[in-house]
Amino acid sequence: MEATLNLKPRKRDVWYKEPWLLLVAGGPAFVVVASVITGYIAIKGSDKVVADDYYKQGLMINKDIQRDAKAKALALTASLYVDLKTSKIRMQLNSAVPGAVLPEKVQLSLARASDNASSVNEVIHRLPLSRNADGSYEGDLNFISKLSSGSVKLFHIKIETTDWRLTGDWYNPEVKVAQLSAL
């Protein structure tokens, strides 16, 4: 038995078909592509951390604290309800302080989340409320279609004048009465 020696040179693969090349260069190439995609997602989907008018909001904090303290000193309470039949919002405003004079007009602000689910913006509705002869306040609703469709379940409400303000949340406004108190 004779052993034959095969001394033929081995055929080499083309450089881009070499498995070690894919292992050495493929990993870093994958990391570069993944970081570019991650950067794109971060830039396009970034949240606003700082409000556009942050300085103005900072200055208003002390004024808001003073207005809240004034509402507490007047011992103000309010009850709000929506009348879907007449498209009106009605409010009963009371003060436990004897001789306190309630204003003829107040401003009601209703803030809700925007309809766009990917947005963190809020939609603010401002309604002037005028006092009736019976002492209650009333205002017209111009966004009643949102309420009657049942799409709005939560409002952040603010009743205010230049001197005081009452704030709170209103769940299910088409069904429930909102109760606010500065006490």
C-alpha atoms as a PDB file:
ATOM      1  CA  MET A   1       0.000   0.000   0.000  1.00  0.00           C
ATOM      2  CA  GLU A   2       1.309   3.112  -1.116  1.00  0.00           C
ATOM      3  CA  ALA A   3       0.217   6.348   0.203  1.00  0.00           C
ATOM      4  CA  THR A   4      -0.221   9.055  -2.286  1.00  0.00           C
ATOM      5  CA  LEU A   5       0.426  12.522  -1.286  1.00  0.00           C
ATOM      6  CA  ASN A   6      -1.857  15.140  -2.670  1.00  0.00           C
ATOM      7  CA  LEU A   7       0.273  18.231  -3.042  1.00  0.00           C
ATOM      8  CA  LYS A   8      -2.206  20.218  -5.018  1.00  0.00           C
ATOM      9  CA  PRO A   9      -2.558  23.775  -3.701  1.00  0.00           C
ATOM     10  CA  ARG A  10      -5.791  24.395  -1.885  1.00  0.00           C
ATOM     11  CA  LYS A  11      -8.174  26.752  -3.630  1.00  0.00           C
ATOM     12  CA  ARG A  12      -8.743  29.892  -1.563  1.00  0.00           C
ATOM     13  CA  ASP A  13     -12.134  31.549  -1.250  1.00  0.00           C
ATOM     14  CA  VAL A  14     -12.729  35.083  -2.377  1.00  0.00           C
ATOM     15  CA  TRP A  15     -12.045  37.578   0.468  1.00  0.00           C
ATOM     16  CA  TYR A  16     -15.678  38.611   0.955  1.00  0.00           C
ATOM     17  CA  LYS A  17     -16.739  34.971   1.342  1.00  0.00           C
ATOM     18  CA  GLU A  18     -14.273  34.358   4.133  1.00  0.00           C
ATOM     19  CA  PRO A  19     -16.206  33.494   7.363  1.00  0.00           C
ATOM     20  CA  TRP A  20     -13.703  35.244   9.631  1.00  0.00           C
ATOM     21  CA  LEU A  21     -14.256  38.506   7.778  1.00  0.00           C
ATOM     22  CA  LEU A  22     -17.968  38.399   8.540  1.00  0.00           C
ATOM     23  CA  LEU A  23     -17.226  37.706  12.188  1.00  0.00           C
ATOM     24  CA  VAL A  24     -14.629  40.471  12.556  1.00  0.00           C
ATOM     25  CA  ALA A  25     -16.257  43.208  10.458  1.00  0.00           C
ATOM     26  CA  GLY A  26     -19.927  42.168  10.750  1.00  0.00           C
ATOM     27  CA  GLY A  27     -20.248  42.873  14.460  1.00  0.00           C
ATOM     28  CA  PRO A  28     -19.050  46.483  14.323  1.00  0.00           C
ATOM     29  CA  ALA A  29     -21.045  47.092  11.122  1.00  0.00           C
ATOM     30  CA  PHE A  30     -24.189  45.842  12.864  1.00  0.00           C
ATOM     31  CA  VAL A  31     -23.519  48.138  15.862  1.00  0.00           C
ATOM     32  CA  VAL A  32     -23.084  51.173  13.580  1.00  0.00           C
ATOM     33  CA  VAL A  33     -26.366  50.477  11.761  1.00  0.00           C
ATOM     34  CA  ALA A  34     -28.204  49.881  15.056  1.00  0.00           C
ATOM     35  CA  SER A  35     -26.868  53.139  16.555  1.00  0.00           C
ATOM     36  CA  VAL A  36     -27.942  55.149  13.495  1.00  0.00           C
ATOM     37  CA  ILE A  37     -31.455  53.671  13.741  1.00  0.00           C
ATOM     38  CA  THR A  38     -31.570  54.336  17.495  1.00  0.00           C
ATOM     39  CA  GLY A  39     -30.447  57.935  16.943  1.00  0.00           C
ATOM     40  CA  TYR A  40     -33.157  58.467  14.348  1.00  0.00           C
ATOM     41  CA  ILE A  41     -35.841  57.086  16.689  1.00  0.00           C
ATOM     42  CA  ALA A  42     -34.564  59.262  19.558  1.00  0.00           C
ATOM     43  CA  ILE A  43     -34.620  62.457  17.497  1.00  0.00           C
ATOM     44  CA  LYS A  44     -38.025  61.862  15.887  1.00  0.00           C
ATOM     45  CA  GLY A  45     -39.763  60.642  19.042  1.00  0.00           C
ATOM     46  CA  SER A  46     -38.238  62.999  21.591  1.00  0.00           C
ATOM     47  CA  ASP A  47     -40.458  64.565  24.243  1.00  0.00           C
ATOM     48  CA  LYS A  48     -40.318  68.236  25.037  1.00  0.00           C
ATOM     49  CA  VAL A  49     -38.685  68.411  28.433  1.00  0.00           C
ATOM     50  CA  VAL A  50     -38.829  72.177  28.809  1.00  0.00           C
ATOM     51  CA  ALA A  51     -41.927  74.214  27.976  1.00  0.00           C
ATOM     52  CA  ASP A  52     -41.594  76.977  25.395  1.00  0.00           C
ATOM     53  CA  ASP A  53     -42.590  79.634  27.900  1.00  0.00           C
ATOM     54  CA  TYR A  54     -40.842  78.197  30.969  1.00  0.00           C
ATOM     55  CA  TYR A  55     -39.696  81.603  32.224  1.00  0.00           C
ATOM     56  CA  LYS A  56     -43.189  83.082  32.117  1.00  0.00           C
ATOM     57  CA  GLN A  57     -44.602  79.998  33.857  1.00  0.00           C
ATOM     58  CA  GLY A  58     -41.985  80.323  36.589  1.00  0.00           C
ATOM     59  CA  LEU A  59     -42.941  83.940  37.237  1.00  0.00           C
ATOM     60  CA  MET A  60     -46.639  83.032  37.432  1.00  0.00           C
ATOM     61  CA  ILE A  61     -46.170  80.472  40.222  1.00  0.00           C
ATOM     62  CA  ASN A  62     -46.108  83.076  43.018  1.00  0.00           C
ATOM     63  CA  LYS A  63     -49.192  84.793  41.615  1.00  0.00           C
ATOM     64  CA  ASP A  64     -51.040  81.454  41.465  1.00  0.00           C
ATOM     65  CA  ILE A  65     -50.105  80.691  45.085  1.00  0.00           C
ATOM     66  CA  GLN A  66     -51.499  84.068  46.159  1.00  0.00           C
ATOM     67  CA  ARG A  67     -54.720  83.510  44.205  1.00  0.00           C
ATOM     68  CA  ASP A  68     -55.157  80.053  45.791  1.00  0.00           C
ATOM     69  CA  ALA A  69     -54.639  81.589  49.255  1.00  0.00           C
ATOM     70  CA  LYS A  70     -57.270  84.263  48.505  1.00  0.00           C
ATOM     71  CA  ALA A  71     -59.795  81.561  47.485  1.00  0.00           C
ATOM     72  CA  LYS A  72     -59.045  79.750  50.732  1.00  0.00           C
ATOM     73  CA  ALA A  73     -59.499  82.976  52.745  1.00  0.00           C
ATOM     74  CA  LEU A  74     -62.899  83.461  51.091  1.00  0.00           C
ATOM     75  CA  ALA A  75     -63.748  79.764  51.771  1.00  0.00           C
ATOM     76  CA  LEU A  76     -64.994  79.330  48.211  1.00  0.00           C
ATOM     77  CA  THR A  77     -66.804  76.216  47.004  1.00  0.00           C
ATOM     78  CA  ALA A  78     -68.223  75.504  43.575  1.00  0.00           C
ATOM     79  CA  SER A  79     -70.436  72.851  41.981  1.00  0.00           C
ATOM     80  CA  LEU A  80     -70.448  72.462  38.209  1.00  0.00           C
ATOM     81  CA  TYR A  81     -72.646  70.389  35.956  1.00  0.00           C
ATOM     82  CA  VAL A  82     -73.283  70.090  32.236  1.00  0.00           C
ATOM     83  CA  ASP A  83     -76.780  70.408  30.804  1.00  0.00           C
ATOM     84  CA  LEU A  84     -76.560  68.547  27.490  1.00  0.00           C
ATOM     85  CA  LYS A  85     -80.121  69.479  26.466  1.00  0.00           C
ATOM     86  CA  THR A  86     -79.444  73.225  26.479  1.00  0.00           C
ATOM     87  CA  SER A  87     -75.677  73.033  25.760  1.00  0.00           C
ATOM     88  CA  LYS A  88     -74.970  75.006  28.917  1.00  0.00           C
ATOM     89  CA  ILE A  89     -72.604  74.591  31.802  1.00  0.00           C
ATOM     90  CA  ARG A  90     -73.988  75.688  35.146  1.00  0.00           C
ATOM     91  CA  MET A  91     -72.129  76.503  38.332  1.00  0.00           C
ATOM     92  CA  GLN A  92     -73.115  77.340  41.870  1.00  0.00           C
ATOM     93  CA  LEU A  93     -70.388  79.400  43.604  1.00  0.00           C
ATOM     94  CA  ASN A  94     -70.542  80.027  47.354  1.00  0.00           C
ATOM     95  CA  SER A  95     -68.422  81.678  50.008  1.00  0.00           C
ATOM     96  CA  ALA A  96     -68.582  80.760  53.704  1.00  0.00           C
ATOM     97  CA  VAL A  97     -67.301  84.230  54.658  1.00  0.00           C
ATOM     98  CA  PRO A  98     -70.178  86.538  55.641  1.00  0.00           C
ATOM     99  CA  GLY A  99     -70.423  89.600  53.426  1.00  0.00           C
ATOM    100  CA  ALA A 100     -68.118  88.232  50.714  1.00  0.00           C
ATOM    101  CA  VAL A 101     -68.993  89.700  47.340  1.00  0.00           C
ATOM    102  CA  LEU A 102     -68.949  87.267  44.441  1.00  0.00           C
ATOM    103  CA  PRO A 103     -68.091  88.618  40.975  1.00  0.00           C
ATOM    104  CA  GLU A 104     -70.555  89.053  38.126  1.00  0.00           C
ATOM    105  CA  LYS A 105     -68.326  87.081  35.751  1.00  0.00           C
ATOM    106  CA  VAL A 106     -65.742  84.338  36.202  1.00  0.00           C
ATOM    107  CA  GLN A 107     -63.653  82.450  33.680  1.00  0.00           C
ATOM    108  CA  LEU A 108     -63.863  78.680  33.491  1.00  0.00           C
ATOM    109  CA  SER A 109     -60.939  76.838  31.878  1.00  0.00           C
ATOM    110  CA  LEU A 110     -61.390  73.204  30.904  1.00  0.00           C
ATOM    111  CA  ALA A 111     -58.180  71.411  29.904  1.00  0.00           C
ATOM    112  CA  ARG A 112     -58.185  67.955  28.351  1.00  0.00           C
ATOM    113  CA  ALA A 113     -55.682  65.754  26.575  1.00  0.00           C
ATOM    114  CA  SER A 114     -55.449  66.232  22.829  1.00  0.00           C
ATOM    115  CA  ASP A 115     -57.187  63.727  20.559  1.00  0.00           C
ATOM    116  CA  ASN A 116     -53.844  62.655  19.114  1.00  0.00           C
ATOM    117  CA  ALA A 117     -52.729  59.726  21.273  1.00  0.00           C
ATOM    118  CA  SER A 118     -49.042  60.268  20.475  1.00  0.00           C
ATOM    119  CA  SER A 119     -49.154  63.893  21.626  1.00  0.00           C
ATOM    120  CA  VAL A 120     -48.673  65.193  25.150  1.00  0.00           C
ATOM    121  CA  ASN A 121     -50.361  68.508  24.397  1.00  0.00           C
ATOM    122  CA  GLU A 122     -53.536  69.622  26.048  1.00  0.00           C
ATOM    123  CA  VAL A 123     -56.537  71.393  24.601  1.00  0.00           C
ATOM    124  CA  ILE A 124     -57.820  74.260  26.733  1.00  0.00           C
ATOM    125  CA  HIS A 125     -61.353  75.588  26.455  1.00  0.00           C
ATOM    126  CA  ARG A 126     -62.021  78.948  28.117  1.00  0.00           C
ATOM    127  CA  LEU A 127     -65.597  79.868  28.877  1.00  0.00           C
ATOM    128  CA  PRO A 128     -66.857  83.069  30.484  1.00  0.00           C
ATOM    129  CA  LEU A 129     -69.564  82.361  33.043  1.00  0.00           C
ATOM    130  CA  SER A 130     -72.061  85.102  33.937  1.00  0.00           C
ATOM    131  CA  ARG A 131     -74.093  85.302  37.120  1.00  0.00           C
ATOM    132  CA  ASN A 132     -77.854  84.817  36.805  1.00  0.00           C
ATOM    133  CA  ALA A 133     -80.532  86.424  38.944  1.00  0.00           C
ATOM    134  CA  ASP A 134     -80.654  83.371  41.216  1.00  0.00           C
ATOM    135  CA  GLY A 135     -76.907  83.652  41.969  1.00  0.00           C
ATOM    136  CA  SER A 136     -75.808  80.712  39.827  1.00  0.00           C
ATOM    137  CA  TYR A 137     -73.408  81.077  36.907  1.00  0.00           C
ATOM    138  CA  GLU A 138     -74.003  79.890  33.375  1.00  0.00           C
ATOM    139  CA  GLY A 139     -72.033  79.620  30.125  1.00  0.00           C
ATOM    140  CA  ASP A 140     -72.486  78.218  26.620  1.00  0.00           C
ATOM    141  CA  LEU A 141     -70.635  75.097  25.541  1.00  0.00           C
ATOM    142  CA  ASN A 142     -69.236  75.331  22.028  1.00  0.00           C
ATOM    143  CA  PHE A 143     -67.520  71.914  22.119  1.00  0.00           C
ATOM    144  CA  ILE A 144     -70.589  69.961  23.213  1.00  0.00           C
ATOM    145  CA  SER A 145     -70.113  67.323  20.468  1.00  0.00           C
ATOM    146  CA  LYS A 146     -66.990  66.078  22.277  1.00  0.00           C
ATOM    147  CA  LEU A 147     -68.955  65.608  25.498  1.00  0.00           C
ATOM    148  CA  SER A 148     -72.054  64.043  24.000  1.00  0.00           C
ATOM    149  CA  SER A 149     -69.976  61.489  22.081  1.00  0.00           C
ATOM    150  CA  GLY A 150     -68.472  60.344  25.379  1.00  0.00           C
ATOM    151  CA  SER A 151     -64.911  60.786  24.135  1.00  0.00           C
ATOM    152  CA  VAL A 152     -63.859  63.140  26.933  1.00  0.00           C
ATOM    153  CA  LYS A 153     -63.678  61.445  30.329  1.00  0.00           C
ATOM    154  CA  LEU A 154     -61.473  63.839  32.292  1.00  0.00           C
ATOM    155  CA  PHE A 155     -61.065  67.590  32.452  1.00  0.00           C
ATOM    156  CA  HIS A 156     -58.746  69.629  34.614  1.00  0.00           C
ATOM    157  CA  ILE A 157     -60.842  72.637  35.582  1.00  0.00           C
ATOM    158  CA  LYS A 158     -59.970  76.095  36.777  1.00  0.00           C
ATOM    159  CA  ILE A 159     -62.448  78.747  37.896  1.00  0.00           C
ATOM    160  CA  GLU A 160     -60.759  82.104  38.225  1.00  0.00           C
ATOM    161  CA  THR A 161     -60.861  85.845  38.476  1.00  0.00           C
ATOM    162  CA  THR A 162     -57.930  88.226  38.767  1.00  0.00           C
ATOM    163  CA  ASP A 163     -58.035  87.845  42.582  1.00  0.00           C
ATOM    164  CA  TRP A 164     -58.615  84.112  43.219  1.00  0.00           C
ATOM    165  CA  ARG A 165     -58.840  80.698  41.571  1.00  0.00           C
ATOM    166  CA  LEU A 166     -60.245  77.230  42.258  1.00  0.00           C
ATOM    167  CA  THR A 167     -58.780  74.143  40.572  1.00  0.00           C
ATOM    168  CA  GLY A 168     -59.613  70.460  40.381  1.00  0.00           C
ATOM    169  CA  ASP A 169     -60.390  67.508  38.143  1.00  0.00           C
ATOM    170  CA  TRP A 170     -63.742  66.589  36.639  1.00  0.00           C
ATOM    171  CA  TYR A 171     -64.290  62.915  35.802  1.00  0.00           C
ATOM    172  CA  ASN A 172     -67.139  62.003  33.452  1.00  0.00           C
ATOM    173  CA  PRO A 173     -68.450  65.555  32.977  1.00  0.00           C
ATOM    174  CA  GLU A 174     -71.542  64.440  31.053  1.00  0.00           C
ATOM    175  CA  VAL A 175     -72.656  62.340  34.035  1.00  0.00           C
ATOM    176  CA  LYS A 176     -71.161  63.658  37.269  1.00  0.00           C
ATOM    177  CA  VAL A 177     -71.179  66.991  39.063  1.00  0.00           C
ATOM    178  CA  ALA A 178     -67.790  68.550  39.807  1.00  0.00           C
ATOM    179  CA  GLN A 179     -67.200  69.730  43.366  1.00  0.00           C
ATOM    180  CA  LEU A 180     -64.405  72.244  44.004  1.00  0.00           C
ATOM    181  CA  SER A 181     -63.363  73.593  47.346  1.00  0.00           C
ATOM    182  CA  ALA A 182     -60.600  75.916  48.496  1.00  0.00           C
ATOM    183  CA  LEU A 183     -60.915  74.733  52.088  1.00  0.00           C
END
